[in-house]
């Protein structure tokens, strides 16, 4: 059995601060969007992903892979957005089992209206607390983490 390389005291403090800050940030952003725009952070993320996609549409499985929500969570969120007229499902012509999620004009308008308040909340809860050096350091560190984990996922 391999020996465990336990976290040092400083590493443990950083790990806990990161977890707590990330959880609290997501909760604050979700509350702000629900209060000001009537949509959840998950819904907002889906609308953003679709708005950035070619033709404002993505395969459901790709949308799930690109987002922070599980596949079943994406399915529920897209259903909720579809019921609100913000997204429509389109059958995939080349694969009858697959479906596209497509951003509607109503969904784009919702995103456009929600954007300014969301950016203010991100700035207030994150960037106003960081120096330019903090931003550069965190960007470099999180980019390395993302690249490592992305490479590990592609191997599996």
Protein backbone atom coordinates (compact mmCIF):
# COMPACT_ATOMS: atom_id res chain seq x y z
CA UNK A 1 0.00 0.00 0.00
CA UNK A 2 1.38 3.42 -0.99
CA UNK A 3 2.18 5.90 1.73
CA UNK A 4 -0.14 8.91 1.89
CA UNK A 5 1.48 12.29 1.32
CA UNK A 6 -0.75 14.20 3.76
CA UNK A 7 -1.38 17.91 3.29
CA UNK A 8 0.80 20.26 5.24
CA UNK A 9 -0.85 22.71 7.63
CA UNK A 10 -0.59 25.52 5.04
CA UNK A 11 -1.88 23.27 2.25
CA UNK A 12 -4.80 22.19 4.43
CA UNK A 13 -5.66 25.82 5.25
CA UNK A 14 -5.57 26.72 1.54
CA UNK A 15 -7.68 23.69 0.59
CA UNK A 16 -10.36 24.51 3.18
CA UNK A 17 -10.37 28.21 2.30
CA UNK A 18 -10.71 27.33 -1.40
CA UNK A 19 -13.62 24.94 -0.75
CA UNK A 20 -15.42 27.36 1.56
CA UNK A 21 -14.87 30.38 -0.72
CA UNK A 22 -15.97 28.50 -3.84
CA UNK A 23 -19.11 27.10 -2.19
CA UNK A 24 -20.05 30.49 -0.72
CA UNK A 25 -19.36 32.30 -3.99
CA UNK A 26 -21.61 29.91 -5.92
CA UNK A 27 -24.36 30.28 -3.30
CA UNK A 28 -24.12 34.09 -3.41
CA UNK A 29 -24.20 34.17 -7.22
CA UNK A 30 -27.16 31.78 -7.30
CA UNK A 31 -29.09 33.93 -4.78
CA UNK A 32 -28.33 37.12 -6.74
CA UNK A 33 -29.53 35.63 -10.03
CA UNK A 34 -32.67 34.17 -8.47
CA UNK A 35 -33.48 37.48 -6.76
CA UNK A 36 -32.70 39.80 -9.67
CA UNK A 37 -33.38 37.71 -12.78
CA UNK A 38 -35.53 34.77 -11.64
CA UNK A 39 -33.03 32.18 -12.87
CA UNK A 40 -30.55 29.95 -11.10
CA UNK A 41 -26.78 29.99 -11.59
CA UNK A 42 -27.14 26.66 -13.42
CA UNK A 43 -29.71 28.18 -15.78
CA UNK A 44 -27.48 31.21 -16.34
CA UNK A 45 -24.50 28.97 -17.15
CA UNK A 46 -26.55 27.03 -19.71
CA UNK A 47 -27.76 30.25 -21.35
CA UNK A 48 -24.16 31.53 -21.53
CA UNK A 49 -22.86 28.28 -23.02
CA UNK A 50 -25.61 28.26 -25.64
CA UNK A 51 -25.11 31.95 -26.46
CA UNK A 52 -21.43 31.26 -27.18
CA UNK A 53 -22.04 28.13 -29.29
CA UNK A 54 -22.27 28.19 -33.09
CA UNK A 55 -25.89 28.73 -34.04
CA UNK A 56 -26.69 29.21 -30.32
CA UNK A 57 -27.11 25.43 -29.99
CA UNK A 58 -25.26 22.48 -28.45
CA UNK A 59 -25.78 18.75 -28.23
CA UNK A 60 -27.23 17.91 -24.83
CA UNK A 61 -24.28 15.66 -23.96
CA UNK A 62 -21.80 18.41 -24.92
CA UNK A 63 -23.73 20.92 -22.84
CA UNK A 64 -23.52 18.57 -19.86
CA UNK A 65 -19.78 18.08 -20.38
CA UNK A 66 -19.16 21.84 -20.66
CA UNK A 67 -21.17 22.80 -17.59
CA UNK A 68 -20.71 22.32 -13.88
CA UNK A 69 -23.89 20.28 -13.50
CA UNK A 70 -24.41 16.54 -13.86
CA UNK A 71 -26.05 15.13 -17.00
CA UNK A 72 -29.30 14.55 -15.13
CA UNK A 73 -29.07 18.08 -13.71
CA UNK A 74 -28.61 19.49 -17.22
CA UNK A 75 -31.64 17.55 -18.43
CA UNK A 76 -33.78 18.98 -15.61
CA UNK A 77 -32.44 22.51 -16.14
CA UNK A 78 -33.02 22.39 -19.90
CA UNK A 79 -36.57 21.17 -19.26
CA UNK A 80 -37.10 24.09 -16.88
CA UNK A 81 -35.65 26.55 -19.42
CA UNK A 82 -37.72 24.97 -22.19
CA UNK A 83 -40.92 25.39 -20.15
CA UNK A 84 -40.03 29.06 -19.70
CA UNK A 85 -39.47 29.48 -23.46
CA UNK A 86 -35.76 30.23 -23.05
CA UNK A 87 -34.45 27.07 -24.70
CA UNK A 88 -35.91 24.63 -27.21
CA UNK A 89 -34.90 21.04 -27.86
CA UNK A 90 -34.25 20.16 -31.46
CA UNK A 91 -34.01 16.59 -32.66
CA UNK A 92 -30.63 15.68 -34.11
CA UNK A 93 -31.07 14.80 -37.77
CA UNK A 94 -27.97 12.58 -37.92
CA UNK A 95 -28.59 10.74 -34.64
CA UNK A 96 -32.20 10.15 -33.61
CA UNK A 97 -31.09 9.35 -30.04
CA UNK A 98 -29.39 12.73 -29.69
CA UNK A 99 -30.91 16.15 -29.18
CA UNK A 100 -29.77 19.73 -29.39
CA UNK A 101 -30.52 22.45 -26.88
CA UNK A 102 -31.02 25.75 -28.69
CA UNK A 103 -31.17 29.21 -27.17
CA UNK A 104 -34.36 31.10 -28.07
CA UNK A 105 -34.63 34.86 -28.48
CA UNK A 106 -36.43 34.92 -25.11
CA UNK A 107 -33.49 33.05 -23.56
CA UNK A 108 -31.02 35.47 -25.11
CA UNK A 109 -33.04 38.41 -23.77
CA UNK A 110 -33.07 36.80 -20.30
CA UNK A 111 -29.29 36.38 -20.45
CA UNK A 112 -28.78 39.95 -21.63
CA UNK A 113 -30.95 41.30 -18.80
CA UNK A 114 -29.28 39.10 -16.14
CA UNK A 115 -25.69 39.78 -17.25
CA UNK A 116 -25.01 43.20 -15.69
CA UNK A 117 -26.21 42.20 -12.21
CA UNK A 118 -24.30 38.94 -12.39
CA UNK A 119 -21.07 40.70 -13.38
CA UNK A 120 -21.54 43.18 -10.52
CA UNK A 121 -21.96 40.27 -8.08
CA UNK A 122 -18.87 38.47 -9.45
CA UNK A 123 -16.84 41.66 -9.13
CA UNK A 124 -18.13 42.42 -5.62
CA UNK A 125 -17.63 38.86 -4.31
CA UNK A 126 -14.34 38.09 -6.04
CA UNK A 127 -12.41 40.61 -8.07
CA UNK A 128 -12.84 43.59 -5.73
CA UNK A 129 -11.03 41.48 -3.11
CA UNK A 130 -8.04 40.60 -5.33
CA UNK A 131 -5.00 42.56 -6.42
CA UNK A 132 -3.79 42.39 -10.03
CA UNK A 133 -1.00 40.10 -8.80
CA UNK A 134 -3.58 37.83 -7.12
CA UNK A 135 -5.51 37.62 -10.39
CA UNK A 136 -2.37 36.70 -12.35
CA UNK A 137 -1.26 34.10 -9.78
CA UNK A 138 -4.71 32.52 -9.50
CA UNK A 139 -5.17 32.48 -13.28
CA UNK A 140 -1.87 30.67 -13.74
CA UNK A 141 -2.57 28.17 -10.95
CA UNK A 142 -6.14 27.36 -12.03
CA UNK A 143 -5.05 27.08 -15.67
CA UNK A 144 -2.43 24.49 -14.69
CA UNK A 145 -5.02 22.60 -12.66
CA UNK A 146 -7.55 22.66 -15.51
CA UNK A 147 -4.94 21.49 -18.03
CA UNK A 148 -3.77 18.63 -15.78
CA UNK A 149 -7.28 17.43 -15.05
CA UNK A 150 -8.33 17.84 -18.69
CA UNK A 151 -5.38 15.72 -19.81
CA UNK A 152 -6.22 13.07 -17.20
CA UNK A 153 -9.85 12.97 -18.31
CA UNK A 154 -8.92 12.53 -21.97
CA UNK A 155 -6.79 9.49 -21.06
CA UNK A 156 -9.75 7.71 -19.44
